[in-house]
Amino acid sequence: MADIEEELRMDDEENAREAEFILNNLPSEIKDKFSTDDILYMMDAIVEYYYTSGVLDGNGDSDGYIDIDLQKVAEYVCKKAEEDKRGIYDPNEIFFVAQADLDFQEAEE
């Protein structure tokens, strides 16, 4: 069994891979607007949305898939970023971050 330091290292590596995936999958016109640190912050906000919104508590379809409104996710991330004084983000741009995040999660399954 891995110790806590090993678990944290593995989590950091996974987060770095995911952030790179997201950045590589953003449309070219917004790709340069966000740093890796911005993406890592957004990833945390997206996870927070999933766990606090109740969206994961719903019943999935016949295949177990849950419908996620990515526009709501984007709006949450923008609101959270403003509250945390991270800046003002455009929900239409953050939508692509949320989509890439979801694509990464689905590819990992």
PDB file of N, CA and C in Angstrom:
ATOM      1  N   MET A   1       0.845  -1.173   0.000  1.00  0.00           N
ATOM      2  CA  MET A   1       0.000   0.000   0.000  1.00  0.00           C
ATOM      3  C   MET A   1       0.895   1.243   0.000  1.00  0.00           C
ATOM      4  N   ALA A   2       0.529   2.202  -0.834  1.00  0.00           N
ATOM      5  CA  ALA A   2       1.313   3.439  -0.940  1.00  0.00           C
ATOM      6  C   ALA A   2       1.075   4.315   0.278  1.00  0.00           C
ATOM      7  N   ASP A   3       2.127   4.989   0.684  1.00  0.00           N
ATOM      8  CA  ASP A   3       1.961   5.907   1.803  1.00  0.00           C
ATOM      9  C   ASP A   3       1.345   7.210   1.291  1.00  0.00           C
ATOM     10  N   ILE A   4       1.025   8.114   2.203  1.00  0.00           N
ATOM     11  CA  ILE A   4       0.319   9.349   1.865  1.00  0.00           C
ATOM     12  C   ILE A   4       1.116  10.219   0.899  1.00  0.00           C
ATOM     13  N   GLU A   5       2.425  10.262   1.078  1.00  0.00           N
ATOM     14  CA  GLU A   5       3.255  11.057   0.175  1.00  0.00           C
ATOM     15  C   GLU A   5       3.204  10.517  -1.245  1.00  0.00           C
ATOM     16  N   GLU A   6       3.210   9.204  -1.371  1.00  0.00           N
ATOM     17  CA  GLU A   6       3.111   8.580  -2.692  1.00  0.00           C
ATOM     18  C   GLU A   6       1.750   8.864  -3.319  1.00  0.00           C
ATOM     19  N   GLU A   7       0.689   8.781  -2.524  1.00  0.00           N
ATOM     20  CA  GLU A   7      -0.661   9.088  -3.012  1.00  0.00           C
ATOM     21  C   GLU A   7      -0.744  10.529  -3.497  1.00  0.00           C
ATOM     22  N   LEU A   8      -0.189  11.454  -2.732  1.00  0.00           N
ATOM     23  CA  LEU A   8      -0.200  12.863  -3.118  1.00  0.00           C
ATOM     24  C   LEU A   8       0.594  13.099  -4.399  1.00  0.00           C
ATOM     25  N   ARG A   9       1.713  12.442  -4.524  1.00  0.00           N
ATOM     26  CA  ARG A   9       2.521  12.562  -5.733  1.00  0.00           C
ATOM     27  C   ARG A   9       1.750  12.051  -6.941  1.00  0.00           C
ATOM     28  N   MET A  10       1.078  10.927  -6.782  1.00  0.00           N
ATOM     29  CA  MET A  10       0.294  10.362  -7.874  1.00  0.00           C
ATOM     30  C   MET A  10      -0.868  11.282  -8.251  1.00  0.00           C
ATOM     31  N   ASP A  11      -1.516  11.879  -7.246  1.00  0.00           N
ATOM     32  CA  ASP A  11      -2.598  12.833  -7.515  1.00  0.00           C
ATOM     33  C   ASP A  11      -2.076  14.044  -8.278  1.00  0.00           C
ATOM     34  N   ASP A  12      -0.922  14.559  -7.877  1.00  0.00           N
ATOM     35  CA  ASP A  12      -0.323  15.705  -8.562  1.00  0.00           C
ATOM     36  C   ASP A  12       0.000  15.366 -10.013  1.00  0.00           C
ATOM     37  N   GLU A  13       0.513  14.164 -10.237  1.00  0.00           N
ATOM     38  CA  GLU A  13       0.837  13.733 -11.600  1.00  0.00           C
ATOM     39  C   GLU A  13      -0.432  13.611 -12.442  1.00  0.00           C
ATOM     40  N   GLU A  14      -1.468  13.046 -11.862  1.00  0.00           N
ATOM     41  CA  GLU A  14      -2.751  12.904 -12.568  1.00  0.00           C
ATOM     42  C   GLU A  14      -3.337  14.277 -12.890  1.00  0.00           C
ATOM     43  N   ASN A  15      -3.289  15.194 -11.935  1.00  0.00           N
ATOM     44  CA  ASN A  15      -3.795  16.548 -12.166  1.00  0.00           C
ATOM     45  C   ASN A  15      -3.005  17.250 -13.265  1.00  0.00           C
ATOM     46  N   ALA A  16      -1.704  17.060 -13.283  1.00  0.00           N
ATOM     47  CA  ALA A  16      -0.869  17.674 -14.317  1.00  0.00           C
ATOM     48  C   ALA A  16      -1.225  17.110 -15.694  1.00  0.00           C
ATOM     49  N   ARG A  17      -1.447  15.806 -15.771  1.00  0.00           N
ATOM     50  CA  ARG A  17      -1.847  15.185 -17.046  1.00  0.00           C
ATOM     51  C   ARG A  17      -3.191  15.727 -17.514  1.00  0.00           C
ATOM     52  N   GLU A  18      -4.118  15.856 -16.563  1.00  0.00           N
ATOM     53  CA  GLU A  18      -5.451  16.360 -16.913  1.00  0.00           C
ATOM     54  C   GLU A  18      -5.384  17.815 -17.366  1.00  0.00           C
ATOM     55  N   ALA A  19      -4.629  18.641 -16.660  1.00  0.00           N
ATOM     56  CA  ALA A  19      -4.502  20.051 -17.036  1.00  0.00           C
ATOM     57  C   ALA A  19      -3.895  20.176 -18.436  1.00  0.00           C
ATOM     58  N   GLU A  20      -2.885  19.360 -18.716  1.00  0.00           N
ATOM     59  CA  GLU A  20      -2.260  19.373 -20.044  1.00  0.00           C
ATOM     60  C   GLU A  20      -3.275  18.956 -21.112  1.00  0.00           C
ATOM     61  N   PHE A  21      -4.065  17.918 -20.821  1.00  0.00           N
ATOM     62  CA  PHE A  21      -5.091  17.459 -21.747  1.00  0.00           C
ATOM     63  C   PHE A  21      -6.081  18.587 -22.032  1.00  0.00           C
ATOM     64  N   ILE A  22      -6.539  19.244 -20.972  1.00  0.00           N
ATOM     65  CA  ILE A  22      -7.512  20.325 -21.143  1.00  0.00           C
ATOM     66  C   ILE A  22      -6.922  21.438 -22.003  1.00  0.00           C
ATOM     67  N   LEU A  23      -5.726  21.881 -21.656  1.00  0.00           N
ATOM     68  CA  LEU A  23      -5.097  22.959 -22.428  1.00  0.00           C
ATOM     69  C   LEU A  23      -4.928  22.574 -23.898  1.00  0.00           C
ATOM     70  N   ASN A  24      -4.566  21.324 -24.152  1.00  0.00           N
ATOM     71  CA  ASN A  24      -4.371  20.865 -25.524  1.00  0.00           C
ATOM     72  C   ASN A  24      -5.673  20.725 -26.303  1.00  0.00           C
ATOM     73  N   ASN A  25      -6.802  20.665 -25.594  1.00  0.00           N
ATOM     74  CA  ASN A  25      -8.080  20.462 -26.261  1.00  0.00           C
ATOM     75  C   ASN A  25      -8.955  21.713 -26.311  1.00  0.00           C
ATOM     76  N   LEU A  26      -8.420  22.835 -25.860  1.00  0.00           N
ATOM     77  CA  LEU A  26      -9.160  24.088 -25.946  1.00  0.00           C
ATOM     78  C   LEU A  26      -9.062  24.647 -27.363  1.00  0.00           C
ATOM     79  N   PRO A  27     -10.095  25.366 -27.797  1.00  0.00           N
ATOM     80  CA  PRO A  27     -10.001  26.035 -29.107  1.00  0.00           C
ATOM     81  C   PRO A  27      -8.809  26.996 -29.123  1.00  0.00           C
ATOM     82  N   SER A  28      -8.171  27.112 -30.265  1.00  0.00           N
ATOM     83  CA  SER A  28      -6.943  27.907 -30.370  1.00  0.00           C
ATOM     84  C   SER A  28      -7.129  29.349 -29.920  1.00  0.00           C
ATOM     85  N   GLU A  29      -8.307  29.919 -30.129  1.00  0.00           N
ATOM     86  CA  GLU A  29      -8.520  31.321 -29.765  1.00  0.00           C
ATOM     87  C   GLU A  29      -8.580  31.567 -28.260  1.00  0.00           C
ATOM     88  N   ILE A  30      -8.747  30.527 -27.458  1.00  0.00           N
ATOM     89  CA  ILE A  30      -8.740  30.733 -26.002  1.00  0.00           C
ATOM     90  C   ILE A  30      -7.612  29.975 -25.304  1.00  0.00           C
ATOM     91  N   LYS A  31      -6.899  29.159 -26.035  1.00  0.00           N
ATOM     92  CA  LYS A  31      -5.851  28.317 -25.453  1.00  0.00           C
ATOM     93  C   LYS A  31      -4.818  29.121 -24.669  1.00  0.00           C
ATOM     94  N   ASP A  32      -4.437  30.287 -25.178  1.00  0.00           N
ATOM     95  CA  ASP A  32      -3.398  31.087 -24.539  1.00  0.00           C
ATOM     96  C   ASP A  32      -3.910  31.980 -23.412  1.00  0.00           C
ATOM     97  N   LYS A  33      -5.205  31.964 -23.182  1.00  0.00           N
ATOM     98  CA  LYS A  33      -5.770  32.813 -22.133  1.00  0.00           C
ATOM     99  C   LYS A  33      -5.572  32.243 -20.731  1.00  0.00           C
ATOM    100  N   PHE A  34      -5.313  30.940 -20.631  1.00  0.00           N
ATOM    101  CA  PHE A  34      -5.263  30.283 -19.342  1.00  0.00           C
ATOM    102  C   PHE A  34      -3.917  29.608 -19.107  1.00  0.00           C
ATOM    103  N   SER A  35      -3.414  29.768 -17.900  1.00  0.00           N
ATOM    104  CA  SER A  35      -2.191  29.081 -17.495  1.00  0.00           C
ATOM    105  C   SER A  35      -2.559  27.714 -16.931  1.00  0.00           C
ATOM    106  N   THR A  36      -1.551  26.905 -16.707  1.00  0.00           N
ATOM    107  CA  THR A  36      -1.788  25.613 -16.054  1.00  0.00           C
ATOM    108  C   THR A  36      -2.395  25.825 -14.673  1.00  0.00           C
ATOM    109  N   ASP A  37      -1.932  26.848 -13.960  1.00  0.00           N
ATOM    110  CA  ASP A  37      -2.482  27.163 -12.642  1.00  0.00           C
ATOM    111  C   ASP A  37      -3.961  27.519 -12.738  1.00  0.00           C
ATOM    112  N   ASP A  38      -4.347  28.292 -13.768  1.00  0.00           N
ATOM    113  CA  ASP A  38      -5.762  28.625 -13.970  1.00  0.00           C
ATOM    114  C   ASP A  38      -6.575  27.347 -14.178  1.00  0.00           C
ATOM    115  N   ILE A  39      -6.062  26.460 -15.009  1.00  0.00           N
ATOM    116  CA  ILE A  39      -6.781  25.217 -15.306  1.00  0.00           C
ATOM    117  C   ILE A  39      -6.907  24.355 -14.059  1.00  0.00           C
ATOM    118  N   LEU A  40      -5.849  24.253 -13.271  1.00  0.00           N
ATOM    119  CA  LEU A  40      -5.914  23.472 -12.026  1.00  0.00           C
ATOM    120  C   LEU A  40      -6.965  24.054 -11.089  1.00  0.00           C
ATOM    121  N   TYR A  41      -7.033  25.379 -11.004  1.00  0.00           N
ATOM    122  CA  TYR A  41      -8.062  26.028 -10.178  1.00  0.00           C
ATOM    123  C   TYR A  41      -9.459  25.661 -10.698  1.00  0.00           C
ATOM    124  N   MET A  42      -9.640  25.751 -12.012  1.00  0.00           N
ATOM    125  CA  MET A  42     -10.939  25.434 -12.608  1.00  0.00           C
ATOM    126  C   MET A  42     -11.310  23.976 -12.384  1.00  0.00           C
ATOM    127  N   MET A  43     -10.334  23.088 -12.484  1.00  0.00           N
ATOM    128  CA  MET A  43     -10.598  21.666 -12.232  1.00  0.00           C
ATOM    129  C   MET A  43     -11.139  21.466 -10.819  1.00  0.00           C
ATOM    130  N   ASP A  44     -10.538  22.139  -9.840  1.00  0.00           N
ATOM    131  CA  ASP A  44     -11.018  22.041  -8.458  1.00  0.00           C
ATOM    132  C   ASP A  44     -12.434  22.589  -8.336  1.00  0.00           C
ATOM    133  N   ALA A  45     -12.703  23.713  -9.003  1.00  0.00           N
ATOM    134  CA  ALA A  45     -14.037  24.311  -8.946  1.00  0.00           C
ATOM    135  C   ALA A  45     -15.069  23.401  -9.611  1.00  0.00           C
ATOM    136  N   ILE A  46     -14.688  22.748 -10.692  1.00  0.00           N
ATOM    137  CA  ILE A  46     -15.598  21.822 -11.370  1.00  0.00           C
ATOM    138  C   ILE A  46     -15.954  20.657 -10.451  1.00  0.00           C
ATOM    139  N   VAL A  47     -14.956  20.082  -9.808  1.00  0.00           N
ATOM    140  CA  VAL A  47     -15.207  18.978  -8.866  1.00  0.00           C
ATOM    141  C   VAL A  47     -16.113  19.455  -7.733  1.00  0.00           C
ATOM    142  N   GLU A  48     -15.836  20.640  -7.231  1.00  0.00           N
ATOM    143  CA  GLU A  48     -16.674  21.207  -6.164  1.00  0.00           C
ATOM    144  C   GLU A  48     -18.120  21.337  -6.635  1.00  0.00           C
ATOM    145  N   TYR A  49     -18.316  21.807  -7.855  1.00  0.00           N
ATOM    146  CA  TYR A  49     -19.668  21.924  -8.398  1.00  0.00           C
ATOM    147  C   TYR A  49     -20.359  20.564  -8.427  1.00  0.00           C
ATOM    148  N   TYR A  50     -19.663  19.555  -8.930  1.00  0.00           N
ATOM    149  CA  TYR A  50     -20.270  18.227  -9.024  1.00  0.00           C
ATOM    150  C   TYR A  50     -20.720  17.709  -7.658  1.00  0.00           C
ATOM    151  N   TYR A  51     -19.922  17.945  -6.629  1.00  0.00           N
ATOM    152  CA  TYR A  51     -20.248  17.403  -5.313  1.00  0.00           C
ATOM    153  C   TYR A  51     -21.235  18.254  -4.531  1.00  0.00           C
ATOM    154  N   THR A  52     -21.299  19.558  -4.809  1.00  0.00           N
ATOM    155  CA  THR A  52     -22.202  20.413  -4.039  1.00  0.00           C
ATOM    156  C   THR A  52     -23.536  20.665  -4.738  1.00  0.00           C
ATOM    157  N   SER A  53     -23.589  20.466  -6.037  1.00  0.00           N
ATOM    158  CA  SER A  53     -24.816  20.772  -6.782  1.00  0.00           C
ATOM    159  C   SER A  53     -25.858  19.660  -6.699  1.00  0.00           C
ATOM    160  N   GLY A  54     -25.435  18.460  -6.338  1.00  0.00           N
ATOM    161  CA  GLY A  54     -26.348  17.329  -6.304  1.00  0.00           C
ATOM    162  C   GLY A  54     -26.488  16.633  -7.647  1.00  0.00           C
ATOM    163  N   VAL A  55     -25.797  17.127  -8.672  1.00  0.00           N
ATOM    164  CA  VAL A  55     -25.918  16.537 -10.000  1.00  0.00           C
ATOM    165  C   VAL A  55     -25.511  15.060 -10.002  1.00  0.00           C
ATOM    166  N   LEU A  56     -24.571  14.696  -9.161  1.00  0.00           N
ATOM    167  CA  LEU A  56     -24.124  13.303  -9.123  1.00  0.00           C
ATOM    168  C   LEU A  56     -25.081  12.401  -8.345  1.00  0.00           C
ATOM    169  N   ASP A  57     -26.032  13.005  -7.640  1.00  0.00           N
ATOM    170  CA  ASP A  57     -26.999  12.234  -6.867  1.00  0.00           C
ATOM    171  C   ASP A  57     -28.147  11.716  -7.720  1.00  0.00           C
ATOM    172  N   GLY A  58     -28.267  12.253  -8.936  1.00  0.00           N
ATOM    173  CA  GLY A  58     -29.371  11.858  -9.810  1.00  0.00           C
ATOM    174  C   GLY A  58     -29.187  10.464 -10.365  1.00  0.00           C
ATOM    175  N   ASN A  59     -30.290   9.912 -10.821  1.00  0.00           N
ATOM    176  CA  ASN A  59     -30.246   8.605 -11.460  1.00  0.00           C
ATOM    177  C   ASN A  59     -29.767   8.768 -12.889  1.00  0.00           C
ATOM    178  N   GLY A  60     -28.905   7.902 -13.307  1.00  0.00           N
ATOM    179  CA  GLY A  60     -28.412   7.948 -14.672  1.00  0.00           C
ATOM    180  C   GLY A  60     -29.409   7.341 -15.635  1.00  0.00           C
ATOM    181  N   ASP A  61     -29.083   7.412 -16.918  1.00  0.00           N
ATOM    182  CA  ASP A  61     -29.942   6.789 -17.919  1.00  0.00           C
ATOM    183  C   ASP A  61     -29.749   5.270 -17.873  1.00  0.00           C
ATOM    184  N   SER A  62     -30.255   4.580 -18.866  1.00  0.00           N
ATOM    185  CA  SER A  62     -30.185   3.112 -18.850  1.00  0.00           C
ATOM    186  C   SER A  62     -28.749   2.598 -18.886  1.00  0.00           C
ATOM    187  N   ASP A  63     -27.820   3.424 -19.352  1.00  0.00           N
ATOM    188  CA  ASP A  63     -26.406   3.036 -19.378  1.00  0.00           C
ATOM    189  C   ASP A  63     -25.645   3.562 -18.173  1.00  0.00           C
ATOM    190  N   GLY A  64     -26.352   4.269 -17.266  1.00  0.00           N
ATOM    191  CA  GLY A  64     -25.717   4.803 -16.075  1.00  0.00           C
ATOM    192  C   GLY A  64     -25.143   6.197 -16.236  1.00  0.00           C
ATOM    193  N   TYR A  65     -25.333   6.799 -17.414  1.00  0.00           N
ATOM    194  CA  TYR A  65     -24.793   8.136 -17.653  1.00  0.00           C
ATOM    195  C   TYR A  65     -25.697   9.211 -17.051  1.00  0.00           C
ATOM    196  N   ILE A  66     -25.069  10.202 -16.456  1.00  0.00           N
ATOM    197  CA  ILE A  66     -25.782  11.326 -15.860  1.00  0.00           C
ATOM    198  C   ILE A  66     -25.628  12.521 -16.795  1.00  0.00           C
ATOM    199  N   ASP A  67     -26.742  13.187 -17.081  1.00  0.00           N
ATOM    200  CA  ASP A  67     -26.710  14.366 -17.943  1.00  0.00           C
ATOM    201  C   ASP A  67     -26.171  15.546 -17.142  1.00  0.00           C
ATOM    202  N   ILE A  68     -25.092  16.131 -17.616  1.00  0.00           N
ATOM    203  CA  ILE A  68     -24.471  17.259 -16.929  1.00  0.00           C
ATOM    204  C   ILE A  68     -24.591  18.487 -17.830  1.00  0.00           C
ATOM    205  N   ASP A  69     -25.164  19.543 -17.293  1.00  0.00           N
ATOM    206  CA  ASP A  69     -25.314  20.805 -18.019  1.00  0.00           C
ATOM    207  C   ASP A  69     -23.999  21.579 -17.895  1.00  0.00           C
ATOM    208  N   LEU A  70     -23.184  21.516 -18.928  1.00  0.00           N
ATOM    209  CA  LEU A  70     -21.865  22.139 -18.877  1.00  0.00           C
ATOM    210  C   LEU A  70     -21.938  23.661 -18.795  1.00  0.00           C
ATOM    211  N   GLN A  71     -23.042  24.246 -19.262  1.00  0.00           N
ATOM    212  CA  GLN A  71     -23.190  25.695 -19.140  1.00  0.00           C
ATOM    213  C   GLN A  71     -23.331  26.071 -17.664  1.00  0.00           C
ATOM    214  N   LYS A  72     -24.068  25.255 -16.899  1.00  0.00           N
ATOM    215  CA  LYS A  72     -24.192  25.504 -15.451  1.00  0.00           C
ATOM    216  C   LYS A  72     -22.848  25.328 -14.751  1.00  0.00           C
ATOM    217  N   VAL A  73     -22.094  24.344 -15.180  1.00  0.00           N
ATOM    218  CA  VAL A  73     -20.754  24.122 -14.620  1.00  0.00           C
ATOM    219  C   VAL A  73     -19.891  25.355 -14.885  1.00  0.00           C
ATOM    220  N   ALA A  74     -19.913  25.837 -16.116  1.00  0.00           N
ATOM    221  CA  ALA A  74     -19.115  27.003 -16.490  1.00  0.00           C
ATOM    222  C   ALA A  74     -19.523  28.233 -15.683  1.00  0.00           C
ATOM    223  N   GLU A  75     -20.810  28.431 -15.520  1.00  0.00           N
ATOM    224  CA  GLU A  75     -21.292  29.581 -14.753  1.00  0.00           C
ATOM    225  C   GLU A  75     -20.852  29.486 -13.295  1.00  0.00           C
ATOM    226  N   TYR A  76     -20.879  28.283 -12.736  1.00  0.00           N
ATOM    227  CA  TYR A  76     -20.420  28.088 -11.358  1.00  0.00           C
ATOM    228  C   TYR A  76     -18.942  28.430 -11.225  1.00  0.00           C
ATOM    229  N   VAL A  77     -18.125  27.942 -12.159  1.00  0.00           N
ATOM    230  CA  VAL A  77     -16.689  28.204 -12.117  1.00  0.00           C
ATOM    231  C   VAL A  77     -16.436  29.709 -12.195  1.00  0.00           C
ATOM    232  N   CYS A  78     -17.149  30.398 -13.061  1.00  0.00           N
ATOM    233  CA  CYS A  78     -16.977  31.850 -13.196  1.00  0.00           C
ATOM    234  C   CYS A  78     -17.357  32.573 -11.913  1.00  0.00           C
ATOM    235  N   LYS A  79     -18.477  32.175 -11.318  1.00  0.00           N
ATOM    236  CA  LYS A  79     -18.925  32.799 -10.067  1.00  0.00           C
ATOM    237  C   LYS A  79     -17.915  32.547  -8.953  1.00  0.00           C
ATOM    238  N   LYS A  80     -17.443  31.321  -8.848  1.00  0.00           N
ATOM    239  CA  LYS A  80     -16.466  30.953  -7.819  1.00  0.00           C
ATOM    240  C   LYS A  80     -15.164  31.725  -8.010  1.00  0.00           C
ATOM    241  N   ALA A  81     -14.710  31.847  -9.245  1.00  0.00           N
ATOM    242  CA  ALA A  81     -13.461  32.566  -9.533  1.00  0.00           C
ATOM    243  C   ALA A  81     -13.578  34.033  -9.137  1.00  0.00           C
ATOM    244  N   GLU A  82     -14.732  34.612  -9.400  1.00  0.00           N
ATOM    245  CA  GLU A  82     -14.936  36.005  -9.023  1.00  0.00           C
ATOM    246  C   GLU A  82     -14.960  36.149  -7.500  1.00  0.00           C
ATOM    247  N   GLU A  83     -15.662  35.236  -6.816  1.00  0.00           N
ATOM    248  CA  GLU A  83     -15.706  35.254  -5.346  1.00  0.00           C
ATOM    249  C   GLU A  83     -14.317  35.087  -4.749  1.00  0.00           C
ATOM    250  N   ASP A  84     -13.511  34.232  -5.355  1.00  0.00           N
ATOM    251  CA  ASP A  84     -12.160  33.952  -4.858  1.00  0.00           C
ATOM    252  C   ASP A  84     -11.129  34.970  -5.357  1.00  0.00           C
ATOM    253  N   LYS A  85     -11.624  35.975  -6.069  1.00  0.00           N
ATOM    254  CA  LYS A  85     -10.759  37.043  -6.612  1.00  0.00           C
ATOM    255  C   LYS A  85      -9.682  36.494  -7.547  1.00  0.00           C
ATOM    256  N   ARG A  86     -10.070  35.472  -8.323  1.00  0.00           N
ATOM    257  CA  ARG A  86      -9.168  34.887  -9.322  1.00  0.00           C
ATOM    258  C   ARG A  86      -9.279  35.632 -10.651  1.00  0.00           C
ATOM    259  N   GLY A  87     -10.329  36.420 -10.780  1.00  0.00           N
ATOM    260  CA  GLY A  87     -10.546  37.154 -12.017  1.00  0.00           C
ATOM    261  C   GLY A  87     -11.954  36.920 -12.526  1.00  0.00           C
ATOM    262  N   ILE A  88     -12.246  37.577 -13.620  1.00  0.00           N
ATOM    263  CA  ILE A  88     -13.559  37.426 -14.243  1.00  0.00           C
ATOM    264  C   ILE A  88     -13.371  36.613 -15.512  1.00  0.00           C
ATOM    265  N   TYR A  89     -14.026  35.477 -15.545  1.00  0.00           N
ATOM    266  CA  TYR A  89     -13.938  34.575 -16.693  1.00  0.00           C
ATOM    267  C   TYR A  89     -15.226  34.648 -17.495  1.00  0.00           C
ATOM    268  N   ASP A  90     -15.118  34.359 -18.766  1.00  0.00           N
ATOM    269  CA  ASP A  90     -16.259  34.310 -19.672  1.00  0.00           C
ATOM    270  C   ASP A  90     -16.831  32.889 -19.640  1.00  0.00           C
ATOM    271  N   PRO A  91     -18.104  32.742 -19.248  1.00  0.00           N
ATOM    272  CA  PRO A  91     -18.690  31.395 -19.187  1.00  0.00           C
ATOM    273  C   PRO A  91     -18.637  30.654 -20.524  1.00  0.00           C
ATOM    274  N   ASN A  92     -18.687  31.395 -21.624  1.00  0.00           N
ATOM    275  CA  ASN A  92     -18.627  30.749 -22.936  1.00  0.00           C
ATOM    276  C   ASN A  92     -17.253  30.126 -23.188  1.00  0.00           C
ATOM    277  N   GLU A  93     -16.213  30.693 -22.600  1.00  0.00           N
ATOM    278  CA  GLU A  93     -14.874  30.115 -22.712  1.00  0.00           C
ATOM    279  C   GLU A  93     -14.687  28.977 -21.712  1.00  0.00           C
ATOM    280  N   ILE A  94     -15.206  29.170 -20.512  1.00  0.00           N
ATOM    281  CA  ILE A  94     -15.065  28.138 -19.473  1.00  0.00           C
ATOM    282  C   ILE A  94     -15.852  26.888 -19.844  1.00  0.00           C
ATOM    283  N   PHE A  95     -16.882  27.039 -20.653  1.00  0.00           N
ATOM    284  CA  PHE A  95     -17.637  25.893 -21.154  1.00  0.00           C
ATOM    285  C   PHE A  95     -16.687  24.890 -21.806  1.00  0.00           C
ATOM    286  N   PHE A  96     -15.723  25.393 -22.591  1.00  0.00           N
ATOM    287  CA  PHE A  96     -14.777  24.504 -23.271  1.00  0.00           C
ATOM    288  C   PHE A  96     -13.846  23.808 -22.278  1.00  0.00           C
ATOM    289  N   VAL A  97     -13.511  24.487 -21.191  1.00  0.00           N
ATOM    290  CA  VAL A  97     -12.700  23.864 -20.142  1.00  0.00           C
ATOM    291  C   VAL A  97     -13.501  22.731 -19.499  1.00  0.00           C
ATOM    292  N   ALA A  98     -14.769  23.015 -19.187  1.00  0.00           N
ATOM    293  CA  ALA A  98     -15.625  21.989 -18.574  1.00  0.00           C
ATOM    294  C   ALA A  98     -15.813  20.801 -19.508  1.00  0.00           C
ATOM    295  N   GLN A  99     -15.959  21.074 -20.808  1.00  0.00           N
ATOM    296  CA  GLN A  99     -16.112  19.996 -21.790  1.00  0.00           C
ATOM    297  C   GLN A  99     -14.854  19.148 -21.861  1.00  0.00           C
ATOM    298  N   ALA A 100     -13.698  19.789 -21.907  1.00  0.00           N
ATOM    299  CA  ALA A 100     -12.437  19.045 -21.968  1.00  0.00           C
ATOM    300  C   ALA A 100     -12.212  18.248 -20.693  1.00  0.00           C
ATOM    301  N   ASP A 101     -12.603  18.814 -19.552  1.00  0.00           N
ATOM    302  CA  ASP A 101     -12.498  18.097 -18.277  1.00  0.00           C
ATOM    303  C   ASP A 101     -13.359  16.835 -18.323  1.00  0.00           C
ATOM    304  N   LEU A 102     -14.575  16.962 -18.795  1.00  0.00           N
ATOM    305  CA  LEU A 102     -15.472  15.810 -18.903  1.00  0.00           C
ATOM    306  C   LEU A 102     -14.923  14.780 -19.890  1.00  0.00           C
ATOM    307  N   ASP A 103     -14.380  15.257 -21.009  1.00  0.00           N
ATOM    308  CA  ASP A 103     -13.783  14.336 -21.988  1.00  0.00           C
ATOM    309  C   ASP A 103     -12.634  13.551 -21.360  1.00  0.00           C
ATOM    310  N   PHE A 104     -11.817  14.224 -20.556  1.00  0.00           N
ATOM    311  CA  PHE A 104     -10.704  13.544 -19.894  1.00  0.00           C
ATOM    312  C   PHE A 104     -11.237  12.473 -18.939  1.00  0.00           C
ATOM    313  N   GLN A 105     -12.260  12.835 -18.144  1.00  0.00           N
ATOM    314  CA  GLN A 105     -12.817  11.878 -17.195  1.00  0.00           C
ATOM    315  C   GLN A 105     -13.385  10.654 -17.904  1.00  0.00           C
ATOM    316  N   GLU A 106     -14.080  10.885 -19.011  1.00  0.00           N
ATOM    317  CA  GLU A 106     -14.665   9.770 -19.762  1.00  0.00           C
ATOM    318  C   GLU A 106     -13.585   8.890 -20.389  1.00  0.00           C
ATOM    319  N   ALA A 107     -12.501   9.489 -20.836  1.00  0.00           N
ATOM    320  CA  ALA A 107     -11.404   8.720 -21.433  1.00  0.00           C
ATOM    321  C   ALA A 107     -10.691   7.867 -20.397  1.00  0.00           C
ATOM    322  N   GLU A 108     -10.720   8.290 -19.147  1.00  0.00           N
ATOM    323  CA  GLU A 108     -10.042   7.566 -18.074  1.00  0.00           C
ATOM    324  C   GLU A 108     -10.855   6.377 -17.561  1.00  0.00           C
ATOM    325  N   GLU A 109     -12.122   6.326 -17.913  1.00  0.00           N
ATOM    326  CA  GLU A 109     -12.982   5.242 -17.405  1.00  0.00           C
ATOM    327  C   GLU A 109     -12.685   3.918 -18.034  1.00  0.00           C
TER     328      GLU A 109
END
